[in-house]
PDB file of N, CA and C in Angstrom:
ATOM      1  N   MET A   1       0.795  -1.152   0.099  1.00  0.00           N
ATOM      2  CA  MET A   1      -0.039  -0.052  -0.043  1.00  0.00           C
ATOM      3  C   MET A   1       0.900   1.216  -0.010  1.00  0.00           C
ATOM      4  N   HIS A   2       0.296   2.250  -0.629  1.00  0.00           N
ATOM      5  CA  HIS A   2       1.215   3.546  -0.734  1.00  0.00           C
ATOM      6  C   HIS A   2       0.137   4.688  -0.329  1.00  0.00           C
ATOM      7  N   GLY A   3       0.837   5.775   0.027  1.00  0.00           N
ATOM      8  CA  GLY A   3       0.134   7.030   0.351  1.00  0.00           C
ATOM      9  C   GLY A   3      -1.312   6.944   0.764  1.00  0.00           C
ATOM     10  N   GLU A   4      -2.221   7.370  -0.211  1.00  0.00           N
ATOM     11  CA  GLU A   4      -3.584   7.537   0.030  1.00  0.00           C
ATOM     12  C   GLU A   4      -4.182   6.265   0.462  1.00  0.00           C
ATOM     13  N   GLU A   5      -3.789   5.084  -0.085  1.00  0.00           N
ATOM     14  CA  GLU A   5      -4.428   3.886   0.197  1.00  0.00           C
ATOM     15  C   GLU A   5      -4.063   3.439   1.543  1.00  0.00           C
ATOM     16  N   LEU A   6      -2.837   3.701   2.018  1.00  0.00           N
ATOM     17  CA  LEU A   6      -2.288   3.459   3.424  1.00  0.00           C
ATOM     18  C   LEU A   6      -3.252   4.291   4.330  1.00  0.00           C
ATOM     19  N   ARG A   7      -3.450   5.487   4.053  1.00  0.00           N
ATOM     20  CA  ARG A   7      -4.168   6.499   4.843  1.00  0.00           C
ATOM     21  C   ARG A   7      -5.536   6.002   5.079  1.00  0.00           C
ATOM     22  N   LYS A   8      -6.244   5.617   4.044  1.00  0.00           N
ATOM     23  CA  LYS A   8      -7.603   5.035   4.167  1.00  0.00           C
ATOM     24  C   LYS A   8      -7.596   3.860   4.996  1.00  0.00           C
ATOM     25  N   PHE A   9      -6.597   2.953   4.830  1.00  0.00           N
ATOM     26  CA  PHE A   9      -6.571   1.691   5.593  1.00  0.00           C
ATOM     27  C   PHE A   9      -6.359   2.082   7.078  1.00  0.00           C
ATOM     28  N   GLU A  10      -5.601   3.053   7.484  1.00  0.00           N
ATOM     29  CA  GLU A  10      -5.180   3.426   8.893  1.00  0.00           C
ATOM     30  C   GLU A  10      -6.485   3.962   9.336  1.00  0.00           C
ATOM     31  N   ILE A  11      -7.182   4.882   8.698  1.00  0.00           N
ATOM     32  CA  ILE A  11      -8.425   5.487   9.228  1.00  0.00           C
ATOM     33  C   ILE A  11      -9.438   4.440   9.391  1.00  0.00           C
ATOM     34  N   SER A  12      -9.646   3.461   8.356  1.00  0.00           N
ATOM     35  CA  SER A  12     -10.549   2.492   8.540  1.00  0.00           C
ATOM     36  C   SER A  12     -10.333   1.577   9.755  1.00  0.00           C
ATOM     37  N   ALA A  13      -9.157   1.208   9.917  1.00  0.00           N
ATOM     38  CA  ALA A  13      -8.693   0.296  10.951  1.00  0.00           C
ATOM     39  C   ALA A  13      -8.967   1.083  12.265  1.00  0.00           C
ATOM     40  N   SER A  14      -8.778   2.401  12.320  1.00  0.00           N
ATOM     41  CA  SER A  14      -8.938   3.160  13.732  1.00  0.00           C
ATOM     42  C   SER A  14     -10.440   3.195  13.983  1.00  0.00           C
ATOM     43  N   LEU A  15     -11.183   3.374  12.912  1.00  0.00           N
ATOM     44  CA  LEU A  15     -12.748   3.292  13.202  1.00  0.00           C
ATOM     45  C   LEU A  15     -13.263   1.951  13.745  1.00  0.00           C
ATOM     46  N   GLU A  16     -12.564   0.945  13.155  1.00  0.00           N
ATOM     47  CA  GLU A  16     -12.987  -0.493  13.528  1.00  0.00           C
ATOM     48  C   GLU A  16     -12.543  -0.658  15.060  1.00  0.00           C
ATOM     49  N   LYS A  17     -11.609   0.004  15.461  1.00  0.00           N
ATOM     50  CA  LYS A  17     -11.249  -0.141  16.881  1.00  0.00           C
ATOM     51  C   LYS A  17     -12.165   0.434  17.874  1.00  0.00           C
ATOM     52  N   GLY A  18     -13.160   1.114  17.298  1.00  0.00           N
ATOM     53  CA  GLY A  18     -14.105   1.988  18.220  1.00  0.00           C
ATOM     54  C   GLY A  18     -13.682   3.393  18.347  1.00  0.00           C
ATOM     55  N   TRP A  19     -12.679   3.814  17.626  1.00  0.00           N
ATOM     56  CA  TRP A  19     -12.324   5.294  17.787  1.00  0.00           C
ATOM     57  C   TRP A  19     -13.349   6.137  17.114  1.00  0.00           C
ATOM     58  N   ASN A  20     -13.458   7.322  17.679  1.00  0.00           N
ATOM     59  CA  ASN A  20     -14.522   8.224  17.092  1.00  0.00           C
ATOM     60  C   ASN A  20     -13.619   9.222  16.130  1.00  0.00           C
ATOM     61  N   LEU A  21     -14.183  10.205  15.582  1.00  0.00           N
ATOM     62  CA  LEU A  21     -13.455  11.075  14.803  1.00  0.00           C
ATOM     63  C   LEU A  21     -12.409  11.782  15.418  1.00  0.00           C
ATOM     64  N   GLU A  22     -12.578  12.135  16.779  1.00  0.00           N
ATOM     65  CA  GLU A  22     -11.517  12.883  17.484  1.00  0.00           C
ATOM     66  C   GLU A  22     -10.364  12.086  17.647  1.00  0.00           C
ATOM     67  N   ASN A  23     -10.568  10.807  17.979  1.00  0.00           N
ATOM     68  CA  ASN A  23      -9.419   9.872  18.314  1.00  0.00           C
ATOM     69  C   ASN A  23      -8.645   9.560  17.006  1.00  0.00           C
ATOM     70  N   ALA A  24      -9.367   9.533  15.869  1.00  0.00           N
ATOM     71  CA  ALA A  24      -8.588   9.419  14.580  1.00  0.00           C
ATOM     72  C   ALA A  24      -7.794  10.499  14.266  1.00  0.00           C
ATOM     73  N   HIS A  25      -8.402  11.746  14.463  1.00  0.00           N
ATOM     74  CA  HIS A  25      -7.767  13.117  14.156  1.00  0.00           C
ATOM     75  C   HIS A  25      -6.418  13.241  14.991  1.00  0.00           C
ATOM     76  N   GLN A  26      -6.596  12.847  16.379  1.00  0.00           N
ATOM     77  CA  GLN A  26      -5.413  12.980  17.159  1.00  0.00           C
ATOM     78  C   GLN A  26      -4.236  11.911  16.707  1.00  0.00           C
ATOM     79  N   TYR A  27      -4.724  10.791  16.322  1.00  0.00           N
ATOM     80  CA  TYR A  27      -3.803   9.909  15.858  1.00  0.00           C
ATOM     81  C   TYR A  27      -2.968  10.413  14.588  1.00  0.00           C
ATOM     82  N   LEU A  28      -3.807  10.960  13.702  1.00  0.00           N
ATOM     83  CA  LEU A  28      -3.090  11.411  12.431  1.00  0.00           C
ATOM     84  C   LEU A  28      -2.377  12.653  12.620  1.00  0.00           C
ATOM     85  N   ASP A  29      -2.760  13.538  13.648  1.00  0.00           N
ATOM     86  CA  ASP A  29      -2.140  14.805  13.920  1.00  0.00           C
ATOM     87  C   ASP A  29      -0.763  14.483  14.593  1.00  0.00           C
ATOM     88  N   LYS A  30      -0.781  13.454  15.532  1.00  0.00           N
ATOM     89  CA  LYS A  30       0.525  13.148  16.224  1.00  0.00           C
ATOM     90  C   LYS A  30       1.474  12.395  14.978  1.00  0.00           C
ATOM     91  N   GLU A  31       0.828  11.607  14.222  1.00  0.00           N
ATOM     92  CA  GLU A  31       1.703  11.031  13.281  1.00  0.00           C
ATOM     93  C   GLU A  31       2.382  12.031  12.359  1.00  0.00           C
ATOM     94  N   ALA A  32       1.585  12.996  11.971  1.00  0.00           N
ATOM     95  CA  ALA A  32       2.129  14.115  10.981  1.00  0.00           C
ATOM     96  C   ALA A  32       3.378  14.892  11.697  1.00  0.00           C
ATOM     97  N   LEU A  33       3.094  15.260  13.010  1.00  0.00           N
ATOM     98  CA  LEU A  33       4.172  15.858  13.759  1.00  0.00           C
ATOM     99  C   LEU A  33       5.402  14.893  13.875  1.00  0.00           C
ATOM    100  N   GLU A  34       5.292  13.652  14.248  1.00  0.00           N
ATOM    101  CA  GLU A  34       6.312  12.811  14.182  1.00  0.00           C
ATOM    102  C   GLU A  34       7.075  12.765  12.926  1.00  0.00           C
ATOM    103  N   ASN A  35       6.345  12.517  11.829  1.00  0.00           N
ATOM    104  CA  ASN A  35       6.972  12.502  10.487  1.00  0.00           C
ATOM    105  C   ASN A  35       7.750  13.705  10.045  1.00  0.00           C
ATOM    106  N   ALA A  36       7.118  14.857  10.397  1.00  0.00           N
ATOM    107  CA  ALA A  36       7.627  16.189  10.098  1.00  0.00           C
ATOM    108  C   ALA A  36       8.965  16.496  11.031  1.00  0.00           C
ATOM    109  N   LEU A  37       8.772  15.973  12.292  1.00  0.00           N
ATOM    110  CA  LEU A  37      10.162  16.229  12.961  1.00  0.00           C
ATOM    111  C   LEU A  37      11.305  15.223  12.477  1.00  0.00           C
ATOM    112  N   HIS A  38      10.894  14.154  12.114  1.00  0.00           N
ATOM    113  CA  HIS A  38      12.041  13.194  11.574  1.00  0.00           C
ATOM    114  C   HIS A  38      12.471  13.788  10.245  1.00  0.00           C
ATOM    115  N   ARG A  39      11.627  14.178   9.317  1.00  0.00           N
ATOM    116  CA  ARG A  39      11.969  14.826   8.120  1.00  0.00           C
ATOM    117  C   ARG A  39      12.835  15.906   8.168  1.00  0.00           C
ATOM    118  N   MET A  40      12.580  16.896   9.153  1.00  0.00           N
ATOM    119  CA  MET A  40      13.200  18.121   9.381  1.00  0.00           C
ATOM    120  C   MET A  40      14.408  17.953  10.448  1.00  0.00           C
ATOM    121  N   ASN A  41      14.779  16.669  10.699  1.00  0.00           N
ATOM    122  CA  ASN A  41      15.814  16.427  11.643  1.00  0.00           C
ATOM    123  C   ASN A  41      15.694  17.213  13.054  1.00  0.00           C
ATOM    124  N   GLY A  42      14.511  17.309  13.492  1.00  0.00           N
ATOM    125  CA  GLY A  42      14.155  17.967  14.747  1.00  0.00           C
ATOM    126  C   GLY A  42      14.157  19.478  14.707  1.00  0.00           C
ATOM    127  N   ASN A  43      14.369  20.020  13.754  1.00  0.00           N
ATOM    128  CA  ASN A  43      14.429  21.475  13.530  1.00  0.00           C
ATOM    129  C   ASN A  43      12.931  22.004  13.762  1.00  0.00           C
ATOM    130  N   LYS A  44      12.543  22.532  14.914  1.00  0.00           N
ATOM    131  CA  LYS A  44      11.149  22.764  15.154  1.00  0.00           C
ATOM    132  C   LYS A  44      10.676  23.997  14.238  1.00  0.00           C
ATOM    133  N   LEU A  45      11.629  24.985  13.975  1.00  0.00           N
ATOM    134  CA  LEU A  45      11.274  26.045  13.081  1.00  0.00           C
ATOM    135  C   LEU A  45      10.689  25.522  11.857  1.00  0.00           C
ATOM    136  N   GLU A  46      11.621  24.646  11.123  1.00  0.00           N
ATOM    137  CA  GLU A  46      11.306  24.117   9.869  1.00  0.00           C
ATOM    138  C   GLU A  46      10.033  23.169   9.963  1.00  0.00           C
ATOM    139  N   VAL A  47       9.857  22.588  10.997  1.00  0.00           N
ATOM    140  CA  VAL A  47       8.611  21.697  11.133  1.00  0.00           C
ATOM    141  C   VAL A  47       7.343  22.560  11.200  1.00  0.00           C
ATOM    142  N   ALA A  48       7.523  23.579  11.891  1.00  0.00           N
ATOM    143  CA  ALA A  48       6.292  24.538  11.923  1.00  0.00           C
ATOM    144  C   ALA A  48       6.037  25.114  10.485  1.00  0.00           C
ATOM    145  N   ARG A  49       7.069  25.438   9.821  1.00  0.00           N
ATOM    146  CA  ARG A  49       6.963  25.991   8.463  1.00  0.00           C
ATOM    147  C   ARG A  49       6.268  24.933   7.457  1.00  0.00           C
ATOM    148  N   LEU A  50       6.844  23.833   7.560  1.00  0.00           N
ATOM    149  CA  LEU A  50       6.423  22.764   6.813  1.00  0.00           C
ATOM    150  C   LEU A  50       4.882  22.389   7.028  1.00  0.00           C
ATOM    151  N   LEU A  51       4.429  22.540   8.284  1.00  0.00           N
ATOM    152  CA  LEU A  51       3.192  22.216   8.609  1.00  0.00           C
ATOM    153  C   LEU A  51       2.188  23.398   8.525  1.00  0.00           C
ATOM    154  N   GLY A  52       2.761  24.513   8.297  1.00  0.00           N
ATOM    155  CA  GLY A  52       1.883  25.821   8.188  1.00  0.00           C
ATOM    156  C   GLY A  52       1.243  26.388   9.569  1.00  0.00           C
ATOM    157  N   ILE A  53       2.092  26.121  10.636  1.00  0.00           N
ATOM    158  CA  ILE A  53       1.635  26.499  11.852  1.00  0.00           C
ATOM    159  C   ILE A  53       2.832  27.266  12.618  1.00  0.00           C
ATOM    160  N   SER A  54       2.344  27.975  13.656  1.00  0.00           N
ATOM    161  CA  SER A  54       3.478  28.826  14.294  1.00  0.00           C
ATOM    162  C   SER A  54       4.287  27.853  15.258  1.00  0.00           C
ATOM    163  N   ARG A  55       5.422  28.344  15.610  1.00  0.00           N
ATOM    164  CA  ARG A  55       6.194  27.575  16.548  1.00  0.00           C
ATOM    165  C   ARG A  55       5.546  27.255  17.824  1.00  0.00           C
ATOM    166  N   SER A  56       4.853  28.435  18.380  1.00  0.00           N
ATOM    167  CA  SER A  56       4.218  28.280  19.655  1.00  0.00           C
ATOM    168  C   SER A  56       3.004  27.084  19.557  1.00  0.00           C
ATOM    169  N   TRP A  57       2.394  27.095  18.492  1.00  0.00           N
ATOM    170  CA  TRP A  57       1.385  26.053  18.328  1.00  0.00           C
ATOM    171  C   TRP A  57       1.898  24.667  18.128  1.00  0.00           C
ATOM    172  N   LEU A  58       3.191  24.621  17.496  1.00  0.00           N
ATOM    173  CA  LEU A  58       3.805  23.504  17.406  1.00  0.00           C
ATOM    174  C   LEU A  58       4.302  22.838  18.828  1.00  0.00           C
ATOM    175  N   TYR A  59       4.763  23.666  19.774  1.00  0.00           N
ATOM    176  CA  TYR A  59       5.153  23.404  21.055  1.00  0.00           C
ATOM    177  C   TYR A  59       3.782  22.919  21.777  1.00  0.00           C
ATOM    178  N   LYS A  60       2.732  23.671  21.622  1.00  0.00           N
ATOM    179  CA  LYS A  60       1.492  23.163  22.279  1.00  0.00           C
ATOM    180  C   LYS A  60       1.030  21.839  21.928  1.00  0.00           C
ATOM    181  N   LYS A  61       1.188  21.501  20.617  1.00  0.00           N
ATOM    182  CA  LYS A  61       0.802  20.164  20.093  1.00  0.00           C
ATOM    183  C   LYS A  61       1.707  19.106  20.528  1.00  0.00           C
ATOM    184  N   MET A  62       2.986  19.434  20.690  1.00  0.00           N
ATOM    185  CA  MET A  62       4.027  18.566  21.216  1.00  0.00           C
ATOM    186  C   MET A  62       3.743  18.185  22.544  1.00  0.00           C
ATOM    187  N   ARG A  63       3.409  19.249  23.489  1.00  0.00           N
ATOM    188  CA  ARG A  63       3.052  18.946  24.806  1.00  0.00           C
ATOM    189  C   ARG A  63       1.772  18.074  24.979  1.00  0.00           C
ATOM    190  N   ARG A  64       0.794  18.280  24.112  1.00  0.00           N
ATOM    191  CA  ARG A  64      -0.426  17.591  24.141  1.00  0.00           C
ATOM    192  C   ARG A  64      -0.124  16.088  23.954  1.00  0.00           C
ATOM    193  N   TYR A  65       0.763  15.798  23.170  1.00  0.00           N
ATOM    194  CA  TYR A  65       1.154  14.413  22.732  1.00  0.00           C
ATOM    195  C   TYR A  65       2.378  13.870  23.342  1.00  0.00           C
ATOM    196  N   ASN A  66       2.716  14.613  24.378  1.00  0.00           N
ATOM    197  CA  ASN A  66       3.962  14.170  25.234  1.00  0.00           C
ATOM    198  C   ASN A  66       5.198  13.889  24.325  1.00  0.00           C
ATOM    199  N   MET A  67       5.421  14.749  23.465  1.00  0.00           N
ATOM    200  CA  MET A  67       6.631  14.704  22.579  1.00  0.00           C
ATOM    201  C   MET A  67       7.764  15.555  23.027  1.00  0.00           C
ATOM    202  N   ASN A  68       8.958  15.259  22.994  1.00  0.00           N
ATOM    203  CA  ASN A  68      10.021  16.095  23.472  1.00  0.00           C
ATOM    204  C   ASN A  68      10.691  16.849  22.282  1.00  0.00           C
TER     205      ASN A  68
END
């Protein structure tokens, strides 16, 4: 599976586990943060730019998901 197919599978699997829309959103939000941090080698300014959010919002999201 690639890209869009994988995303659809992950969302479908999440809903089958009994997750609601908020749970699925949080899962994908955290996954996007983790991927962006990895892609930008932990450079938070570049991660914020990549995701189109402010650095302060990035830090709030990271705290929400217990990410260092």
